[in-house]
Amino acid sequence: MTKSDLISEVAAKVGMTKKDADAAVNAVIDTITDALTSGDKVQLVGFGTFEVKTRSEHTGRNPFTGEAMTIAESKHVSFSVGKALKESVK
């Protein structure tokens, strides 16, 4: 499902125009992005939790030369599936 498919589905289920559904979907995405950027956890009960986690600095290998190299600390977004969603997908 693409973003435009999601917008069409939201518009059909809620009974709003695609333009209004587009604004609503974009607002939700922007709100989640802003919360994660500021370090907050976003928990949607039954759906899942979005959280920013930190990968610590570690040693890796250059795949071309095999030489050891240090991989810097980095952040990534993690998603944990909620119970209701997990059970509905089975």
PDB file of N, CA and C in Angstrom:
ATOM      1  N   MET A   1       0.858  -1.177   0.000  1.00  0.00           N
ATOM      2  CA  MET A   1       0.000   0.000   0.000  1.00  0.00           C
ATOM      3  C   MET A   1       0.903   1.237   0.000  1.00  0.00           C
ATOM      4  N   THR A   2       0.611   2.145  -0.893  1.00  0.00           N
ATOM      5  CA  THR A   2       1.367   3.388  -0.978  1.00  0.00           C
ATOM      6  C   THR A   2       0.656   4.470  -0.155  1.00  0.00           C
ATOM      7  N   LYS A   3       1.311   5.606  -0.023  1.00  0.00           N
ATOM      8  CA  LYS A   3       0.724   6.714   0.724  1.00  0.00           C
ATOM      9  C   LYS A   3      -0.583   7.179   0.071  1.00  0.00           C
ATOM     10  N   SER A   4      -0.626   7.227  -1.248  1.00  0.00           N
ATOM     11  CA  SER A   4      -1.858   7.661  -1.926  1.00  0.00           C
ATOM     12  C   SER A   4      -2.974   6.644  -1.731  1.00  0.00           C
ATOM     13  N   ASP A   5      -2.622   5.349  -1.676  1.00  0.00           N
ATOM     14  CA  ASP A   5      -3.629   4.325  -1.375  1.00  0.00           C
ATOM     15  C   ASP A   5      -4.179   4.513   0.040  1.00  0.00           C
ATOM     16  N   LEU A   6      -3.290   4.809   0.969  1.00  0.00           N
ATOM     17  CA  LEU A   6      -3.696   5.054   2.353  1.00  0.00           C
ATOM     18  C   LEU A   6      -4.634   6.247   2.441  1.00  0.00           C
ATOM     19  N   ILE A   7      -4.305   7.304   1.728  1.00  0.00           N
ATOM     20  CA  ILE A   7      -5.145   8.506   1.718  1.00  0.00           C
ATOM     21  C   ILE A   7      -6.531   8.177   1.149  1.00  0.00           C
ATOM     22  N   SER A   8      -6.578   7.407   0.070  1.00  0.00           N
ATOM     23  CA  SER A   8      -7.854   7.016  -0.527  1.00  0.00           C
ATOM     24  C   SER A   8      -8.687   6.183   0.437  1.00  0.00           C
ATOM     25  N   GLU A   9      -8.059   5.250   1.148  1.00  0.00           N
ATOM     26  CA  GLU A   9      -8.760   4.405   2.118  1.00  0.00           C
ATOM     27  C   GLU A   9      -9.294   5.226   3.289  1.00  0.00           C
ATOM     28  N   VAL A  10      -8.481   6.161   3.782  1.00  0.00           N
ATOM     29  CA  VAL A  10      -8.928   7.018   4.889  1.00  0.00           C
ATOM     30  C   VAL A  10     -10.114   7.853   4.444  1.00  0.00           C
ATOM     31  N   ALA A  11     -10.027   8.426   3.250  1.00  0.00           N
ATOM     32  CA  ALA A  11     -11.118   9.252   2.728  1.00  0.00           C
ATOM     33  C   ALA A  11     -12.409   8.438   2.618  1.00  0.00           C
ATOM     34  N   ALA A  12     -12.304   7.209   2.144  1.00  0.00           N
ATOM     35  CA  ALA A  12     -13.488   6.363   1.978  1.00  0.00           C
ATOM     36  C   ALA A  12     -14.078   5.940   3.327  1.00  0.00           C
ATOM     37  N   LYS A  13     -13.231   5.582   4.285  1.00  0.00           N
ATOM     38  CA  LYS A  13     -13.718   5.103   5.582  1.00  0.00           C
ATOM     39  C   LYS A  13     -14.318   6.205   6.434  1.00  0.00           C
ATOM     40  N   VAL A  14     -13.751   7.420   6.334  1.00  0.00           N
ATOM     41  CA  VAL A  14     -14.216   8.522   7.177  1.00  0.00           C
ATOM     42  C   VAL A  14     -15.271   9.352   6.466  1.00  0.00           C
ATOM     43  N   GLY A  15     -15.334   9.261   5.154  1.00  0.00           N
ATOM     44  CA  GLY A  15     -16.308  10.035   4.396  1.00  0.00           C
ATOM     45  C   GLY A  15     -15.879  11.475   4.195  1.00  0.00           C
ATOM     46  N   MET A  16     -14.605  11.660   3.919  1.00  0.00           N
ATOM     47  CA  MET A  16     -14.093  13.013   3.658  1.00  0.00           C
ATOM     48  C   MET A  16     -13.463  13.048   2.280  1.00  0.00           C
ATOM     49  N   THR A  17     -13.145  14.232   1.825  1.00  0.00           N
ATOM     50  CA  THR A  17     -12.521  14.359   0.511  1.00  0.00           C
ATOM     51  C   THR A  17     -11.082  13.866   0.588  1.00  0.00           C
ATOM     52  N   LYS A  18     -10.535  13.510  -0.562  1.00  0.00           N
ATOM     53  CA  LYS A  18      -9.145  13.064  -0.598  1.00  0.00           C
ATOM     54  C   LYS A  18      -8.202  14.182  -0.161  1.00  0.00           C
ATOM     55  N   LYS A  19      -8.564  15.420  -0.464  1.00  0.00           N
ATOM     56  CA  LYS A  19      -7.735  16.563  -0.065  1.00  0.00           C
ATOM     57  C   LYS A  19      -7.677  16.666   1.452  1.00  0.00           C
ATOM     58  N   ASP A  20      -8.833  16.506   2.129  1.00  0.00           N
ATOM     59  CA  ASP A  20      -8.860  16.556   3.587  1.00  0.00           C
ATOM     60  C   ASP A  20      -8.151  15.349   4.195  1.00  0.00           C
ATOM     61  N   ALA A  21      -8.330  14.176   3.582  1.00  0.00           N
ATOM     62  CA  ALA A  21      -7.663  12.966   4.069  1.00  0.00           C
ATOM     63  C   ALA A  21      -6.156  13.094   3.914  1.00  0.00           C
ATOM     64  N   ASP A  22      -5.713  13.698   2.817  1.00  0.00           N
ATOM     65  CA  ASP A  22      -4.288  13.933   2.588  1.00  0.00           C
ATOM     66  C   ASP A  22      -3.728  14.828   3.687  1.00  0.00           C
ATOM     67  N   ALA A  23      -4.448  15.877   4.027  1.00  0.00           N
ATOM     68  CA  ALA A  23      -4.007  16.780   5.096  1.00  0.00           C
ATOM     69  C   ALA A  23      -3.943  16.050   6.438  1.00  0.00           C
ATOM     70  N   ALA A  24      -4.925  15.192   6.698  1.00  0.00           N
ATOM     71  CA  ALA A  24      -4.959  14.452   7.966  1.00  0.00           C
ATOM     72  C   ALA A  24      -3.802  13.448   8.060  1.00  0.00           C
ATOM     73  N   VAL A  25      -3.580  12.694   6.997  1.00  0.00           N
ATOM     74  CA  VAL A  25      -2.495  11.708   6.987  1.00  0.00           C
ATOM     75  C   VAL A  25      -1.149  12.406   7.129  1.00  0.00           C
ATOM     76  N   ASN A  26      -0.958  13.495   6.394  1.00  0.00           N
ATOM     77  CA  ASN A  26       0.295  14.245   6.500  1.00  0.00           C
ATOM     78  C   ASN A  26       0.485  14.827   7.895  1.00  0.00           C
ATOM     79  N   ALA A  27      -0.591  15.275   8.527  1.00  0.00           N
ATOM     80  CA  ALA A  27      -0.507  15.810   9.882  1.00  0.00           C
ATOM     81  C   ALA A  27      -0.084  14.729  10.871  1.00  0.00           C
ATOM     82  N   VAL A  28      -0.627  13.532  10.711  1.00  0.00           N
ATOM     83  CA  VAL A  28      -0.251  12.416  11.596  1.00  0.00           C
ATOM     84  C   VAL A  28       1.229  12.070  11.404  1.00  0.00           C
ATOM     85  N   ILE A  29       1.662  11.964  10.168  1.00  0.00           N
ATOM     86  CA  ILE A  29       3.058  11.633   9.882  1.00  0.00           C
ATOM     87  C   ILE A  29       3.989  12.719  10.419  1.00  0.00           C
ATOM     88  N   ASP A  30       3.640  13.983  10.203  1.00  0.00           N
ATOM     89  CA  ASP A  30       4.459  15.095  10.703  1.00  0.00           C
ATOM     90  C   ASP A  30       4.520  15.103  12.223  1.00  0.00           C
ATOM     91  N   THR A  31       3.410  14.807  12.880  1.00  0.00           N
ATOM     92  CA  THR A  31       3.374  14.787  14.340  1.00  0.00           C
ATOM     93  C   THR A  31       4.253  13.672  14.890  1.00  0.00           C
ATOM     94  N   ILE A  32       4.183  12.494  14.286  1.00  0.00           N
ATOM     95  CA  ILE A  32       5.038  11.380  14.712  1.00  0.00           C
ATOM     96  C   ILE A  32       6.503  11.723  14.484  1.00  0.00           C
ATOM     97  N   THR A  33       6.812  12.305  13.334  1.00  0.00           N
ATOM     98  CA  THR A  33       8.186  12.694  13.019  1.00  0.00           C
ATOM     99  C   THR A  33       8.707  13.721  14.018  1.00  0.00           C
ATOM    100  N   ASP A  34       7.902  14.737  14.325  1.00  0.00           N
ATOM    101  CA  ASP A  34       8.313  15.767  15.287  1.00  0.00           C
ATOM    102  C   ASP A  34       8.562  15.176  16.670  1.00  0.00           C
ATOM    103  N   ALA A  35       7.702  14.262  17.094  1.00  0.00           N
ATOM    104  CA  ALA A  35       7.864  13.642  18.405  1.00  0.00           C
ATOM    105  C   ALA A  35       9.148  12.814  18.458  1.00  0.00           C
ATOM    106  N   LEU A  36       9.422  12.042  17.417  1.00  0.00           N
ATOM    107  CA  LEU A  36      10.632  11.233  17.391  1.00  0.00           C
ATOM    108  C   LEU A  36      11.881  12.103  17.316  1.00  0.00           C
ATOM    109  N   THR A  37      11.804  13.197  16.574  1.00  0.00           N
ATOM    110  CA  THR A  37      12.929  14.117  16.457  1.00  0.00           C
ATOM    111  C   THR A  37      13.276  14.734  17.805  1.00  0.00           C
ATOM    112  N   SER A  38      12.269  15.003  18.618  1.00  0.00           N
ATOM    113  CA  SER A  38      12.517  15.605  19.932  1.00  0.00           C
ATOM    114  C   SER A  38      12.827  14.551  20.994  1.00  0.00           C
ATOM    115  N   GLY A  39      12.904  13.275  20.601  1.00  0.00           N
ATOM    116  CA  GLY A  39      13.303  12.220  21.521  1.00  0.00           C
ATOM    117  C   GLY A  39      12.165  11.531  22.246  1.00  0.00           C
ATOM    118  N   ASP A  40      10.922  11.851  21.898  1.00  0.00           N
ATOM    119  CA  ASP A  40       9.772  11.225  22.542  1.00  0.00           C
ATOM    120  C   ASP A  40       9.456   9.879  21.901  1.00  0.00           C
ATOM    121  N   LYS A  41       8.783   9.034  22.651  1.00  0.00           N
ATOM    122  CA  LYS A  41       8.291   7.745  22.164  1.00  0.00           C
ATOM    123  C   LYS A  41       6.844   7.954  21.734  1.00  0.00           C
ATOM    124  N   VAL A  42       6.442   7.353  20.620  1.00  0.00           N
ATOM    125  CA  VAL A  42       5.064   7.456  20.140  1.00  0.00           C
ATOM    126  C   VAL A  42       4.426   6.082  20.283  1.00  0.00           C
ATOM    127  N   GLN A  43       3.423   5.986  21.162  1.00  0.00           N
ATOM    128  CA  GLN A  43       2.767   4.713  21.427  1.00  0.00           C
ATOM    129  C   GLN A  43       1.319   4.789  20.976  1.00  0.00           C
ATOM    130  N   LEU A  44       0.968   3.945  20.017  1.00  0.00           N
ATOM    131  CA  LEU A  44      -0.398   3.838  19.523  1.00  0.00           C
ATOM    132  C   LEU A  44      -0.930   2.499  20.012  1.00  0.00           C
ATOM    133  N   VAL A  45      -1.713   2.527  21.069  1.00  0.00           N
ATOM    134  CA  VAL A  45      -2.173   1.310  21.725  1.00  0.00           C
ATOM    135  C   VAL A  45      -2.876   0.395  20.722  1.00  0.00           C
ATOM    136  N   GLY A  46      -2.454  -0.850  20.701  1.00  0.00           N
ATOM    137  CA  GLY A  46      -3.017  -1.841  19.789  1.00  0.00           C
ATOM    138  C   GLY A  46      -2.306  -1.898  18.453  1.00  0.00           C
ATOM    139  N   PHE A  47      -1.647  -0.810  18.068  1.00  0.00           N
ATOM    140  CA  PHE A  47      -0.940  -0.772  16.783  1.00  0.00           C
ATOM    141  C   PHE A  47       0.543  -1.014  16.979  1.00  0.00           C
ATOM    142  N   GLY A  48       1.183  -0.182  17.800  1.00  0.00           N
ATOM    143  CA  GLY A  48       2.610  -0.351  18.050  1.00  0.00           C
ATOM    144  C   GLY A  48       3.252   0.894  18.618  1.00  0.00           C
ATOM    145  N   THR A  49       4.565   0.815  18.799  1.00  0.00           N
ATOM    146  CA  THR A  49       5.331   1.902  19.396  1.00  0.00           C
ATOM    147  C   THR A  49       6.511   2.262  18.502  1.00  0.00           C
ATOM    148  N   PHE A  50       6.645   3.548  18.213  1.00  0.00           N
ATOM    149  CA  PHE A  50       7.797   4.080  17.496  1.00  0.00           C
ATOM    150  C   PHE A  50       8.735   4.674  18.536  1.00  0.00           C
ATOM    151  N   GLU A  51      10.034   4.390  18.411  1.00  0.00           N
ATOM    152  CA  GLU A  51      10.995   4.880  19.387  1.00  0.00           C
ATOM    153  C   GLU A  51      12.350   5.077  18.708  1.00  0.00           C
ATOM    154  N   VAL A  52      13.084   6.112  19.127  1.00  0.00           N
ATOM    155  CA  VAL A  52      14.431   6.332  18.618  1.00  0.00           C
ATOM    156  C   VAL A  52      15.396   5.608  19.547  1.00  0.00           C
ATOM    157  N   LYS A  53      16.235   4.754  18.960  1.00  0.00           N
ATOM    158  CA  LYS A  53      17.232   4.015  19.741  1.00  0.00           C
ATOM    159  C   LYS A  53      18.619   4.391  19.237  1.00  0.00           C
ATOM    160  N   THR A  54      19.596   4.180  20.092  1.00  0.00           N
ATOM    161  CA  THR A  54      20.975   4.512  19.746  1.00  0.00           C
ATOM    162  C   THR A  54      21.787   3.238  19.570  1.00  0.00           C
ATOM    163  N   ARG A  55      22.487   3.162  18.456  1.00  0.00           N
ATOM    164  CA  ARG A  55      23.442   2.072  18.236  1.00  0.00           C
ATOM    165  C   ARG A  55      24.789   2.584  18.719  1.00  0.00           C
ATOM    166  N   SER A  56      25.419   1.859  19.622  1.00  0.00           N
ATOM    167  CA  SER A  56      26.696   2.314  20.163  1.00  0.00           C
ATOM    168  C   SER A  56      27.811   2.145  19.133  1.00  0.00           C
ATOM    169  N   GLU A  57      28.894   2.850  19.377  1.00  0.00           N
ATOM    170  CA  GLU A  57      30.059   2.750  18.505  1.00  0.00           C
ATOM    171  C   GLU A  57      30.588   1.321  18.594  1.00  0.00           C
ATOM    172  N   HIS A  58      30.951   0.741  17.443  1.00  0.00           N
ATOM    173  CA  HIS A  58      31.476  -0.616  17.451  1.00  0.00           C
ATOM    174  C   HIS A  58      32.460  -0.805  16.296  1.00  0.00           C
ATOM    175  N   THR A  59      33.166  -1.911  16.344  1.00  0.00           N
ATOM    176  CA  THR A  59      34.152  -2.206  15.318  1.00  0.00           C
ATOM    177  C   THR A  59      33.524  -3.089  14.251  1.00  0.00           C
ATOM    178  N   GLY A  60      33.776  -2.724  13.011  1.00  0.00           N
ATOM    179  CA  GLY A  60      33.290  -3.502  11.880  1.00  0.00           C
ATOM    180  C   GLY A  60      34.428  -3.760  10.919  1.00  0.00           C
ATOM    181  N   ARG A  61      34.127  -4.347   9.796  1.00  0.00           N
ATOM    182  CA  ARG A  61      35.150  -4.627   8.783  1.00  0.00           C
ATOM    183  C   ARG A  61      34.738  -4.021   7.450  1.00  0.00           C
ATOM    184  N   ASN A  62      35.721  -3.458   6.760  1.00  0.00           N
ATOM    185  CA  ASN A  62      35.506  -2.968   5.411  1.00  0.00           C
ATOM    186  C   ASN A  62      35.306  -4.191   4.524  1.00  0.00           C
ATOM    187  N   PRO A  63      34.167  -4.312   3.835  1.00  0.00           N
ATOM    188  CA  PRO A  63      33.904  -5.526   3.049  1.00  0.00           C
ATOM    189  C   PRO A  63      34.859  -5.722   1.869  1.00  0.00           C
ATOM    190  N   PHE A  64      35.485  -4.659   1.405  1.00  0.00           N
ATOM    191  CA  PHE A  64      36.390  -4.775   0.257  1.00  0.00           C
ATOM    192  C   PHE A  64      37.798  -5.168   0.674  1.00  0.00           C
ATOM    193  N   THR A  65      38.298  -4.563   1.758  1.00  0.00           N
ATOM    194  CA  THR A  65      39.683  -4.803   2.168  1.00  0.00           C
ATOM    195  C   THR A  65      39.793  -5.737   3.360  1.00  0.00           C
ATOM    196  N   GLY A  66      38.721  -5.910   4.113  1.00  0.00           N
ATOM    197  CA  GLY A  66      38.776  -6.736   5.312  1.00  0.00           C
ATOM    198  C   GLY A  66      39.386  -6.005   6.495  1.00  0.00           C
ATOM    199  N   GLU A  67      39.760  -4.749   6.295  1.00  0.00           N
ATOM    200  CA  GLU A  67      40.390  -3.952   7.339  1.00  0.00           C
ATOM    201  C   GLU A  67      39.371  -3.576   8.420  1.00  0.00           C
ATOM    202  N   ALA A  68      39.817  -3.657   9.684  1.00  0.00           N
ATOM    203  CA  ALA A  68      38.956  -3.266  10.801  1.00  0.00           C
ATOM    204  C   ALA A  68      38.743  -1.762  10.775  1.00  0.00           C
ATOM    205  N   MET A  69      37.519  -1.346  11.104  1.00  0.00           N
ATOM    206  CA  MET A  69      37.216   0.080  11.139  1.00  0.00           C
ATOM    207  C   MET A  69      36.202   0.346  12.244  1.00  0.00           C
ATOM    208  N   THR A  70      36.197   1.561  12.735  1.00  0.00           N
ATOM    209  CA  THR A  70      35.262   1.933  13.784  1.00  0.00           C
ATOM    210  C   THR A  70      34.008   2.509  13.147  1.00  0.00           C
ATOM    211  N   ILE A  71      32.866   1.974  13.541  1.00  0.00           N
ATOM    212  CA  ILE A  71      31.587   2.474  13.060  1.00  0.00           C
ATOM    213  C   ILE A  71      31.035   3.383  14.149  1.00  0.00           C
ATOM    214  N   ALA A  72      30.771   4.618  13.804  1.00  0.00           N
ATOM    215  CA  ALA A  72      30.359   5.628  14.771  1.00  0.00           C
ATOM    216  C   ALA A  72      28.983   5.323  15.359  1.00  0.00           C
ATOM    217  N   GLU A  73      28.732   5.895  16.526  1.00  0.00           N
ATOM    218  CA  GLU A  73      27.425   5.794  17.167  1.00  0.00           C
ATOM    219  C   GLU A  73      26.378   6.428  16.252  1.00  0.00           C
ATOM    220  N   SER A  74      25.202   5.823  16.185  1.00  0.00           N
ATOM    221  CA  SER A  74      24.144   6.366  15.337  1.00  0.00           C
ATOM    222  C   SER A  74      22.785   6.114  15.969  1.00  0.00           C
ATOM    223  N   LYS A  75      21.801   6.834  15.487  1.00  0.00           N
ATOM    224  CA  LYS A  75      20.438   6.671  15.965  1.00  0.00           C
ATOM    225  C   LYS A  75      19.585   6.083  14.858  1.00  0.00           C
ATOM    226  N   HIS A  76      18.567   5.321  15.246  1.00  0.00           N
ATOM    227  CA  HIS A  76      17.639   4.747  14.276  1.00  0.00           C
ATOM    228  C   HIS A  76      16.257   4.663  14.903  1.00  0.00           C
ATOM    229  N   VAL A  77      15.255   4.606  14.057  1.00  0.00           N
ATOM    230  CA  VAL A  77      13.878   4.497  14.532  1.00  0.00           C
ATOM    231  C   VAL A  77      13.519   3.015  14.622  1.00  0.00           C
ATOM    232  N   SER A  78      12.951   2.646  15.749  1.00  0.00           N
ATOM    233  CA  SER A  78      12.536   1.279  15.991  1.00  0.00           C
ATOM    234  C   SER A  78      11.015   1.241  16.097  1.00  0.00           C
ATOM    235  N   PHE A  79      10.416   0.168  15.588  1.00  0.00           N
ATOM    236  CA  PHE A  79       8.969  -0.019  15.702  1.00  0.00           C
ATOM    237  C   PHE A  79       8.706  -1.360  16.337  1.00  0.00           C
ATOM    238  N   SER A  80       7.955  -1.352  17.419  1.00  0.00           N
ATOM    239  CA  SER A  80       7.542  -2.587  18.083  1.00  0.00           C
ATOM    240  C   SER A  80       6.050  -2.772  17.836  1.00  0.00           C
ATOM    241  N   VAL A  81       5.677  -3.923  17.336  1.00  0.00           N
ATOM    242  CA  VAL A  81       4.290  -4.195  16.982  1.00  0.00           C
ATOM    243  C   VAL A  81       3.448  -4.372  18.242  1.00  0.00           C
ATOM    244  N   GLY A  82       2.251  -3.773  18.236  1.00  0.00           N
ATOM    245  CA  GLY A  82       1.318  -3.917  19.346  1.00  0.00           C
ATOM    246  C   GLY A  82       0.627  -5.271  19.316  1.00  0.00           C
ATOM    247  N   LYS A  83       0.099  -5.670  20.452  1.00  0.00           N
ATOM    248  CA  LYS A  83      -0.523  -6.983  20.600  1.00  0.00           C
ATOM    249  C   LYS A  83      -1.694  -7.186  19.633  1.00  0.00           C
ATOM    250  N   ALA A  84      -2.583  -6.206  19.537  1.00  0.00           N
ATOM    251  CA  ALA A  84      -3.756  -6.350  18.676  1.00  0.00           C
ATOM    252  C   ALA A  84      -3.357  -6.506  17.204  1.00  0.00           C
ATOM    253  N   LEU A  85      -2.394  -5.743  16.746  1.00  0.00           N
ATOM    254  CA  LEU A  85      -1.947  -5.845  15.365  1.00  0.00           C
ATOM    255  C   LEU A  85      -1.271  -7.194  15.124  1.00  0.00           C
ATOM    256  N   LYS A  86      -0.451  -7.611  16.057  1.00  0.00           N
ATOM    257  CA  LYS A  86       0.244  -8.884  15.925  1.00  0.00           C
ATOM    258  C   LYS A  86      -0.750 -10.039  15.821  1.00  0.00           C
ATOM    259  N   GLU A  87      -1.778  -9.993  16.650  1.00  0.00           N
ATOM    260  CA  GLU A  87      -2.771 -11.068  16.621  1.00  0.00           C
ATOM    261  C   GLU A  87      -3.640 -11.035  15.359  1.00  0.00           C
ATOM    262  N   SER A  88      -3.898  -9.868  14.818  1.00  0.00           N
ATOM    263  CA  SER A  88      -4.738  -9.768  13.619  1.00  0.00           C
ATOM    264  C   SER A  88      -4.008 -10.200  12.364  1.00  0.00           C
ATOM    265  N   VAL A  89      -2.680 -10.192  12.380  1.00  0.00           N
ATOM    266  CA  VAL A  89      -1.902 -10.563  11.205  1.00  0.00           C
ATOM    267  C   VAL A  89      -1.672 -12.074  11.123  1.00  0.00           C
ATOM    268  N   LYS A  90      -1.801 -12.772  12.224  1.00  0.00           N
ATOM    269  CA  LYS A  90      -1.561 -14.227  12.251  1.00  0.00           C
ATOM    270  C   LYS A  90      -2.375 -14.973  11.249  1.00  0.00           C
TER     271      LYS A  90
END
